[in-house]
PDB file of N, CA and C in Angstrom:
ATOM      1  N   MET A   1     142.463  48.865 184.029  1.00  0.00           N
ATOM      2  CA  MET A   1     142.794  49.004 182.794  1.00  0.00           C
ATOM      3  C   MET A   1     143.353  47.431 182.474  1.00  0.00           C
ATOM      4  N   ARG A   2     143.557  47.155 181.047  1.00  0.00           N
ATOM      5  CA  ARG A   2     143.508  45.763 180.571  1.00  0.00           C
ATOM      6  C   ARG A   2     144.334  45.838 179.199  1.00  0.00           C
ATOM      7  N   GLY A   3     145.151  44.821 179.064  1.00  0.00           N
ATOM      8  CA  GLY A   3     145.999  45.179 177.747  1.00  0.00           C
ATOM      9  C   GLY A   3     145.228  45.242 176.353  1.00  0.00           C
ATOM     10  N   ILE A   4     143.979  44.828 176.516  1.00  0.00           N
ATOM     11  CA  ILE A   4     143.268  44.697 175.069  1.00  0.00           C
ATOM     12  C   ILE A   4     141.560  45.124 175.623  1.00  0.00           C
ATOM     13  N   TRP A   5     141.147  45.917 174.734  1.00  0.00           N
ATOM     14  CA  TRP A   5     139.748  46.488 174.537  1.00  0.00           C
ATOM     15  C   TRP A   5     138.855  45.072 174.246  1.00  0.00           C
ATOM     16  N   CYS A   6     137.948  45.000 175.059  1.00  0.00           N
ATOM     17  CA  CYS A   6     136.860  44.030 174.588  1.00  0.00           C
ATOM     18  C   CYS A   6     135.414  44.631 174.273  1.00  0.00           C
ATOM     19  N   GLY A   7     135.080  44.186 173.276  1.00  0.00           N
ATOM     20  CA  GLY A   7     133.809  44.834 172.532  1.00  0.00           C
ATOM     21  C   GLY A   7     132.470  44.310 172.836  1.00  0.00           C
ATOM     22  N   CYS A   8     132.606  43.530 174.148  1.00  0.00           N
ATOM     23  CA  CYS A   8     130.935  42.926 174.534  1.00  0.00           C
ATOM     24  C   CYS A   8     130.233  43.975 174.973  1.00  0.00           C
ATOM     25  N   GLU A   9     128.966  43.539 175.156  1.00  0.00           N
ATOM     26  CA  GLU A   9     127.853  44.268 175.550  1.00  0.00           C
ATOM     27  C   GLU A   9     128.161  45.127 176.790  1.00  0.00           C
ATOM     28  N   GLU A  10     128.596  44.469 177.936  1.00  0.00           N
ATOM     29  CA  GLU A  10     128.998  44.903 179.026  1.00  0.00           C
ATOM     30  C   GLU A  10     130.284  45.964 179.323  1.00  0.00           C
ATOM     31  N   CYS A  11     131.259  45.723 178.324  1.00  0.00           N
ATOM     32  CA  CYS A  11     132.461  46.441 178.428  1.00  0.00           C
ATOM     33  C   CYS A  11     131.981  47.695 177.436  1.00  0.00           C
ATOM     34  N   VAL A  12     130.994  47.736 176.430  1.00  0.00           N
ATOM     35  CA  VAL A  12     130.742  48.750 175.679  1.00  0.00           C
ATOM     36  C   VAL A  12     129.834  49.806 176.421  1.00  0.00           C
ATOM     37  N   LYS A  13     129.312  49.065 177.454  1.00  0.00           N
ATOM     38  CA  LYS A  13     128.656  50.373 178.624  1.00  0.00           C
ATOM     39  C   LYS A  13     129.303  50.623 179.580  1.00  0.00           C
ATOM     40  N   TYR A  14     130.672  50.362 179.884  1.00  0.00           N
ATOM     41  CA  TYR A  14     131.748  50.567 180.897  1.00  0.00           C
ATOM     42  C   TYR A  14     131.153  49.816 181.996  1.00  0.00           C
ATOM     43  N   ASN A  15     130.823  48.841 181.870  1.00  0.00           N
ATOM     44  CA  ASN A  15     130.225  47.853 183.059  1.00  0.00           C
ATOM     45  C   ASN A  15     131.389  46.731 183.067  1.00  0.00           C
ATOM     46  N   PHE A  16     132.771  47.037 183.241  1.00  0.00           N
ATOM     47  CA  PHE A  16     134.033  46.321 182.885  1.00  0.00           C
ATOM     48  C   PHE A  16     133.787  44.892 183.955  1.00  0.00           C
ATOM     49  N   SER A  17     132.974  45.025 185.317  1.00  0.00           N
ATOM     50  CA  SER A  17     133.047  44.231 186.129  1.00  0.00           C
ATOM     51  C   SER A  17     132.299  42.958 185.767  1.00  0.00           C
ATOM     52  N   ASN A  18     131.275  43.190 184.828  1.00  0.00           N
ATOM     53  CA  ASN A  18     130.525  42.140 184.666  1.00  0.00           C
ATOM     54  C   ASN A  18     130.957  41.761 182.847  1.00  0.00           C
ATOM     55  N   CYS A  19     132.215  41.861 182.505  1.00  0.00           N
ATOM     56  CA  CYS A  19     132.652  41.572 181.186  1.00  0.00           C
ATOM     57  C   CYS A  19     132.523  39.990 180.922  1.00  0.00           C
ATOM     58  N   LEU A  20     131.873  39.807 179.764  1.00  0.00           N
ATOM     59  CA  LEU A  20     131.281  38.512 178.927  1.00  0.00           C
ATOM     60  C   LEU A  20     132.567  37.768 178.676  1.00  0.00           C
ATOM     61  N   MET A  21     133.803  38.450 178.455  1.00  0.00           N
ATOM     62  CA  MET A  21     134.649  37.724 177.621  1.00  0.00           C
ATOM     63  C   MET A  21     136.198  37.734 178.782  1.00  0.00           C
ATOM     64  N   ARG A  22     135.829  37.854 179.784  1.00  0.00           N
ATOM     65  CA  ARG A  22     136.800  38.051 180.980  1.00  0.00           C
ATOM     66  C   ARG A  22     137.886  37.048 180.673  1.00  0.00           C
ATOM     67  N   SER A  23     137.288  35.585 180.580  1.00  0.00           N
ATOM     68  CA  SER A  23     138.344  34.331 180.543  1.00  0.00           C
ATOM     69  C   SER A  23     139.237  34.364 179.047  1.00  0.00           C
ATOM     70  N   GLU A  24     138.628  35.426 178.215  1.00  0.00           N
ATOM     71  CA  GLU A  24     139.832  35.341 176.963  1.00  0.00           C
ATOM     72  C   GLU A  24     140.599  36.653 177.067  1.00  0.00           C
ATOM     73  N   PHE A  25     139.933  37.926 177.632  1.00  0.00           N
ATOM     74  CA  PHE A  25     140.900  38.982 177.794  1.00  0.00           C
ATOM     75  C   PHE A  25     141.512  39.330 179.137  1.00  0.00           C
ATOM     76  N   GLY A  26     141.049  38.771 180.190  1.00  0.00           N
ATOM     77  CA  GLY A  26     141.796  38.472 181.461  1.00  0.00           C
ATOM     78  C   GLY A  26     140.965  39.885 181.912  1.00  0.00           C
ATOM     79  N   PRO A  27     141.023  40.207 183.618  1.00  0.00           N
ATOM     80  CA  PRO A  27     140.235  40.828 184.474  1.00  0.00           C
ATOM     81  C   PRO A  27     140.735  42.260 184.007  1.00  0.00           C
ATOM     82  N   MET A  28     139.940  43.210 184.503  1.00  0.00           N
ATOM     83  CA  MET A  28     140.350  44.713 184.762  1.00  0.00           C
ATOM     84  C   MET A  28     140.962  44.756 185.929  1.00  0.00           C
ATOM     85  N   LYS A  29     142.066  45.857 185.847  1.00  0.00           N
ATOM     86  CA  LYS A  29     142.653  45.943 187.247  1.00  0.00           C
ATOM     87  C   LYS A  29     142.834  47.427 187.428  1.00  0.00           C
ATOM     88  N   THR A  30     142.960  47.858 188.689  1.00  0.00           N
ATOM     89  CA  THR A  30     143.080  48.989 189.014  1.00  0.00           C
ATOM     90  C   THR A  30     144.460  49.726 188.814  1.00  0.00           C
ATOM     91  N   VAL A  31     144.848  50.765 188.141  1.00  0.00           N
ATOM     92  CA  VAL A  31     146.213  51.000 188.429  1.00  0.00           C
ATOM     93  C   VAL A  31     146.350  52.693 188.773  1.00  0.00           C
ATOM     94  N   TYR A  32     147.364  53.196 189.351  1.00  0.00           N
ATOM     95  CA  TYR A  32     147.622  54.482 189.675  1.00  0.00           C
ATOM     96  C   TYR A  32     148.844  55.030 189.220  1.00  0.00           C
ATOM     97  N   CYS A  33     148.455  56.520 188.792  1.00  0.00           N
ATOM     98  CA  CYS A  33     149.855  57.028 188.083  1.00  0.00           C
ATOM     99  C   CYS A  33     150.092  58.247 188.911  1.00  0.00           C
ATOM    100  N   LYS A  34     151.243  58.663 189.036  1.00  0.00           N
ATOM    101  CA  LYS A  34     151.884  59.588 189.842  1.00  0.00           C
ATOM    102  C   LYS A  34     151.624  60.940 189.108  1.00  0.00           C
ATOM    103  N   LEU A  35     151.343  62.077 189.616  1.00  0.00           N
ATOM    104  CA  LEU A  35     151.090  63.167 188.964  1.00  0.00           C
ATOM    105  C   LEU A  35     152.232  63.770 188.174  1.00  0.00           C
ATOM    106  N   ALA A  36     152.213  64.360 187.021  1.00  0.00           N
ATOM    107  CA  ALA A  36     153.403  64.594 186.093  1.00  0.00           C
ATOM    108  C   ALA A  36     154.009  65.589 186.845  1.00  0.00           C
ATOM    109  N   LYS A  37     155.494  65.469 186.659  1.00  0.00           N
ATOM    110  CA  LYS A  37     156.266  66.953 187.320  1.00  0.00           C
ATOM    111  C   LYS A  37     155.836  68.308 186.826  1.00  0.00           C
ATOM    112  N   ASN A  38     155.891  69.069 187.817  1.00  0.00           N
ATOM    113  CA  ASN A  38     155.702  70.823 187.475  1.00  0.00           C
ATOM    114  C   ASN A  38     154.411  71.000 187.230  1.00  0.00           C
ATOM    115  N   GLN A  39     153.297  70.224 187.801  1.00  0.00           N
ATOM    116  CA  GLN A  39     152.028  70.607 187.706  1.00  0.00           C
ATOM    117  C   GLN A  39     151.530  71.206 188.926  1.00  0.00           C
ATOM    118  N   LEU A  40     150.762  72.162 188.522  1.00  0.00           N
ATOM    119  CA  LEU A  40     150.121  73.143 189.673  1.00  0.00           C
ATOM    120  C   LEU A  40     148.961  72.463 190.194  1.00  0.00           C
ATOM    121  N   VAL A  41     148.948  71.976 191.351  1.00  0.00           N
ATOM    122  CA  VAL A  41     147.721  71.118 191.797  1.00  0.00           C
ATOM    123  C   VAL A  41     146.773  72.568 192.386  1.00  0.00           C
ATOM    124  N   SER A  42     147.344  73.404 192.895  1.00  0.00           N
ATOM    125  CA  SER A  42     146.440  74.487 193.503  1.00  0.00           C
ATOM    126  C   SER A  42     145.683  75.420 192.270  1.00  0.00           C
ATOM    127  N   GLU A  43     146.118  74.977 191.211  1.00  0.00           N
ATOM    128  CA  GLU A  43     145.626  76.098 190.051  1.00  0.00           C
ATOM    129  C   GLU A  43     143.823  75.586 189.785  1.00  0.00           C
ATOM    130  N   THR A  44     143.249  76.998 189.996  1.00  0.00           N
ATOM    131  CA  THR A  44     141.891  76.416 189.879  1.00  0.00           C
ATOM    132  C   THR A  44     141.532  76.139 188.263  1.00  0.00           C
ATOM    133  N   ARG A  45     140.133  75.233 188.181  1.00  0.00           N
ATOM    134  CA  ARG A  45     140.049  74.739 187.045  1.00  0.00           C
ATOM    135  C   ARG A  45     139.659  75.998 186.233  1.00  0.00           C
ATOM    136  N   SER A  46     139.194  77.091 186.302  1.00  0.00           N
ATOM    137  CA  SER A  46     138.919  78.253 185.754  1.00  0.00           C
ATOM    138  C   SER A  46     140.214  78.797 185.038  1.00  0.00           C
ATOM    139  N   VAL A  47     141.188  79.097 186.030  1.00  0.00           N
ATOM    140  CA  VAL A  47     142.736  79.306 185.165  1.00  0.00           C
ATOM    141  C   VAL A  47     143.044  78.366 184.570  1.00  0.00           C
ATOM    142  N   ALA A  48     142.935  77.314 184.557  1.00  0.00           N
ATOM    143  CA  ALA A  48     143.367  76.211 183.753  1.00  0.00           C
ATOM    144  C   ALA A  48     142.644  76.259 182.446  1.00  0.00           C
ATOM    145  N   LEU A  49     141.326  76.577 182.431  1.00  0.00           N
ATOM    146  CA  LEU A  49     140.559  76.372 181.178  1.00  0.00           C
ATOM    147  C   LEU A  49     141.042  77.506 180.400  1.00  0.00           C
ATOM    148  N   GLU A  50     141.232  78.780 180.988  1.00  0.00           N
ATOM    149  CA  GLU A  50     141.351  79.930 179.983  1.00  0.00           C
ATOM    150  C   GLU A  50     142.923  79.902 179.565  1.00  0.00           C
ATOM    151  N   ASP A  51     143.785  79.059 180.505  1.00  0.00           N
ATOM    152  CA  ASP A  51     145.044  79.114 179.690  1.00  0.00           C
ATOM    153  C   ASP A  51     145.099  77.630 178.652  1.00  0.00           C
ATOM    154  N   PHE A  52     144.372  76.757 178.854  1.00  0.00           N
ATOM    155  CA  PHE A  52     143.920  75.998 177.473  1.00  0.00           C
ATOM    156  C   PHE A  52     143.336  76.452 176.481  1.00  0.00           C
ATOM    157  N   ALA A  53     142.413  77.579 176.761  1.00  0.00           N
ATOM    158  CA  ALA A  53     141.564  78.254 175.485  1.00  0.00           C
ATOM    159  C   ALA A  53     142.462  79.049 174.799  1.00  0.00           C
ATOM    160  N   LEU A  54     143.564  79.632 175.422  1.00  0.00           N
ATOM    161  CA  LEU A  54     144.512  80.795 174.761  1.00  0.00           C
ATOM    162  C   LEU A  54     145.563  79.831 173.873  1.00  0.00           C
ATOM    163  N   GLY A  55     145.531  78.757 174.183  1.00  0.00           N
ATOM    164  CA  GLY A  55     146.736  77.600 173.330  1.00  0.00           C
ATOM    165  C   GLY A  55     145.844  77.242 172.247  1.00  0.00           C
ATOM    166  N   LEU A  56     144.598  77.221 172.200  1.00  0.00           N
ATOM    167  CA  LEU A  56     144.279  76.774 171.116  1.00  0.00           C
ATOM    168  C   LEU A  56     144.109  77.385 169.532  1.00  0.00           C
ATOM    169  N   ALA A  57     144.029  76.865 168.599  1.00  0.00           N
ATOM    170  CA  ALA A  57     144.253  77.560 167.201  1.00  0.00           C
ATOM    171  C   ALA A  57     143.146  76.644 166.310  1.00  0.00           C
ATOM    172  N   SER A  58     142.655  77.800 165.505  1.00  0.00           N
ATOM    173  CA  SER A  58     141.562  77.206 164.696  1.00  0.00           C
ATOM    174  C   SER A  58     142.102  76.099 163.621  1.00  0.00           C
ATOM    175  N   GLY A  59     141.302  75.064 163.700  1.00  0.00           N
ATOM    176  CA  GLY A  59     141.724  74.078 162.847  1.00  0.00           C
ATOM    177  C   GLY A  59     142.234  72.633 163.512  1.00  0.00           C
ATOM    178  N   GLN A  60     142.412  72.916 164.882  1.00  0.00           N
ATOM    179  CA  GLN A  60     143.124  71.879 165.989  1.00  0.00           C
ATOM    180  C   GLN A  60     141.970  71.137 166.115  1.00  0.00           C
ATOM    181  N   THR A  61     142.045  69.587 166.485  1.00  0.00           N
ATOM    182  CA  THR A  61     141.471  68.754 166.902  1.00  0.00           C
ATOM    183  C   THR A  61     141.897  68.145 168.339  1.00  0.00           C
ATOM    184  N   HIS A  62     140.820  68.212 169.315  1.00  0.00           N
ATOM    185  CA  HIS A  62     140.996  67.835 170.658  1.00  0.00           C
ATOM    186  C   HIS A  62     140.263  66.710 171.041  1.00  0.00           C
ATOM    187  N   ALA A  63     140.461  66.045 172.158  1.00  0.00           N
ATOM    188  CA  ALA A  63     139.524  65.036 172.771  1.00  0.00           C
ATOM    189  C   ALA A  63     139.167  65.540 174.185  1.00  0.00           C
ATOM    190  N   VAL A  64     137.987  65.961 174.407  1.00  0.00           N
ATOM    191  CA  VAL A  64     137.562  66.295 175.643  1.00  0.00           C
ATOM    192  C   VAL A  64     136.556  65.443 176.098  1.00  0.00           C
ATOM    193  N   HIS A  65     136.654  65.141 177.701  1.00  0.00           N
ATOM    194  CA  HIS A  65     135.788  64.546 178.305  1.00  0.00           C
ATOM    195  C   HIS A  65     134.488  64.737 178.266  1.00  0.00           C
ATOM    196  N   ALA A  66     133.590  63.546 178.276  1.00  0.00           N
ATOM    197  CA  ALA A  66     131.945  63.743 177.985  1.00  0.00           C
ATOM    198  C   ALA A  66     131.644  63.564 179.143  1.00  0.00           C
ATOM    199  N   SER A  67     130.330  63.981 179.662  1.00  0.00           N
ATOM    200  CA  SER A  67     129.475  63.661 181.109  1.00  0.00           C
ATOM    201  C   SER A  67     129.290  62.427 181.156  1.00  0.00           C
ATOM    202  N   GLN A  68     129.552  61.682 182.315  1.00  0.00           N
ATOM    203  CA  GLN A  68     129.395  60.268 182.311  1.00  0.00           C
ATOM    204  C   GLN A  68     127.848  59.885 181.645  1.00  0.00           C
ATOM    205  N   ALA A  69     127.002  60.926 182.118  1.00  0.00           N
ATOM    206  CA  ALA A  69     125.594  61.020 181.706  1.00  0.00           C
ATOM    207  C   ALA A  69     125.093  60.696 180.025  1.00  0.00           C
ATOM    208  N   GLU A  70     126.265  61.187 179.202  1.00  0.00           N
ATOM    209  CA  GLU A  70     126.780  61.110 177.569  1.00  0.00           C
ATOM    210  C   GLU A  70     127.424  59.807 177.372  1.00  0.00           C
ATOM    211  N   TRP A  71     128.092  59.258 178.227  1.00  0.00           N
ATOM    212  CA  TRP A  71     128.746  57.654 177.730  1.00  0.00           C
ATOM    213  C   TRP A  71     128.146  56.945 177.090  1.00  0.00           C
ATOM    214  N   HIS A  72     126.878  56.761 176.937  1.00  0.00           N
ATOM    215  CA  HIS A  72     126.014  55.468 176.451  1.00  0.00           C
ATOM    216  C   HIS A  72     126.103  56.095 174.721  1.00  0.00           C
ATOM    217  N   ILE A  73     126.544  57.368 174.199  1.00  0.00           N
ATOM    218  CA  ILE A  73     126.318  57.865 173.154  1.00  0.00           C
ATOM    219  C   ILE A  73     127.386  57.454 172.291  1.00  0.00           C
ATOM    220  N   GLU A  74     128.608  57.611 172.782  1.00  0.00           N
ATOM    221  CA  GLU A  74     129.707  57.370 172.078  1.00  0.00           C
ATOM    222  C   GLU A  74     131.019  57.229 173.033  1.00  0.00           C
ATOM    223  N   GLY A  75     130.795  57.022 173.970  1.00  0.00           N
ATOM    224  CA  GLY A  75     132.009  56.831 175.057  1.00  0.00           C
ATOM    225  C   GLY A  75     132.401  58.031 176.199  1.00  0.00           C
ATOM    226  N   PRO A  76     133.448  57.966 176.620  1.00  0.00           N
ATOM    227  CA  PRO A  76     133.814  59.013 177.714  1.00  0.00           C
ATOM    228  C   PRO A  76     134.473  60.242 177.039  1.00  0.00           C
ATOM    229  N   TYR A  77     134.759  60.126 175.987  1.00  0.00           N
ATOM    230  CA  TYR A  77     134.946  61.533 175.205  1.00  0.00           C
ATOM    231  C   TYR A  77     134.622  61.807 173.755  1.00  0.00           C
ATOM    232  N   TRP A  78     134.852  63.134 173.753  1.00  0.00           N
ATOM    233  CA  TRP A  78     134.058  63.456 172.399  1.00  0.00           C
ATOM    234  C   TRP A  78     135.418  64.083 171.509  1.00  0.00           C
ATOM    235  N   LEU A  79     135.568  64.265 170.168  1.00  0.00           N
ATOM    236  CA  LEU A  79     136.405  64.905 169.537  1.00  0.00           C
ATOM    237  C   LEU A  79     135.668  66.175 169.338  1.00  0.00           C
ATOM    238  N   VAL A  80     136.614  67.342 169.304  1.00  0.00           N
ATOM    239  CA  VAL A  80     136.142  68.717 168.921  1.00  0.00           C
ATOM    240  C   VAL A  80     137.016  68.923 168.033  1.00  0.00           C
ATOM    241  N   LYS A  81     136.491  69.761 166.950  1.00  0.00           N
ATOM    242  CA  LYS A  81     137.638  70.553 165.932  1.00  0.00           C
ATOM    243  C   LYS A  81     137.150  72.208 166.280  1.00  0.00           C
ATOM    244  N   VAL A  82     138.535  72.664 166.475  1.00  0.00           N
ATOM    245  CA  VAL A  82     138.230  74.166 166.908  1.00  0.00           C
ATOM    246  C   VAL A  82     138.193  75.056 165.854  1.00  0.00           C
ATOM    247  N   SER A  83     137.359  75.666 165.641  1.00  0.00           N
ATOM    248  CA  SER A  83     136.660  76.489 164.603  1.00  0.00           C
ATOM    249  C   SER A  83     137.277  78.099 164.571  1.00  0.00           C
ATOM    250  N   SER A  84     137.578  78.323 165.659  1.00  0.00           N
ATOM    251  CA  SER A  84     138.138  79.778 165.862  1.00  0.00           C
ATOM    252  C   SER A  84     138.810  80.073 166.997  1.00  0.00           C
ATOM    253  N   VAL A  85     139.754  81.106 167.160  1.00  0.00           N
ATOM    254  CA  VAL A  85     140.436  81.114 168.530  1.00  0.00           C
ATOM    255  C   VAL A  85     139.482  81.628 169.582  1.00  0.00           C
ATOM    256  N   ALA A  86     139.810  81.281 171.022  1.00  0.00           N
ATOM    257  CA  ALA A  86     139.119  81.618 171.967  1.00  0.00           C
ATOM    258  C   ALA A  86     138.726  83.230 172.140  1.00  0.00           C
ATOM    259  N   GLN A  87     137.788  83.515 172.348  1.00  0.00           N
ATOM    260  CA  GLN A  87     137.233  85.295 172.605  1.00  0.00           C
ATOM    261  C   GLN A  87     137.266  85.521 174.203  1.00  0.00           C
ATOM    262  N   ARG A  88     137.668  86.389 174.771  1.00  0.00           N
ATOM    263  CA  ARG A  88     137.402  87.112 175.984  1.00  0.00           C
ATOM    264  C   ARG A  88     136.134  87.878 176.261  1.00  0.00           C
TER     265      ARG A  88
END
């Protein structure tokens, strides 16, 4: 994490350790966040995905994680606009 985003060629490719503007923006540092209260850590991904899908409504916009192999296209997430409710 860093207080401000750098747009240098290396940072745009998520190669933060080789930032070309480190003297201007400062070094990146690793931070750790505690798990939010009331989270079910034993819940499976398929159950969590089903619960998430059931909470979607047509017209909503959400950010979803992109595969790291696709980060070079537009970054680590994609914006998705829900076109219909989830089907079972």
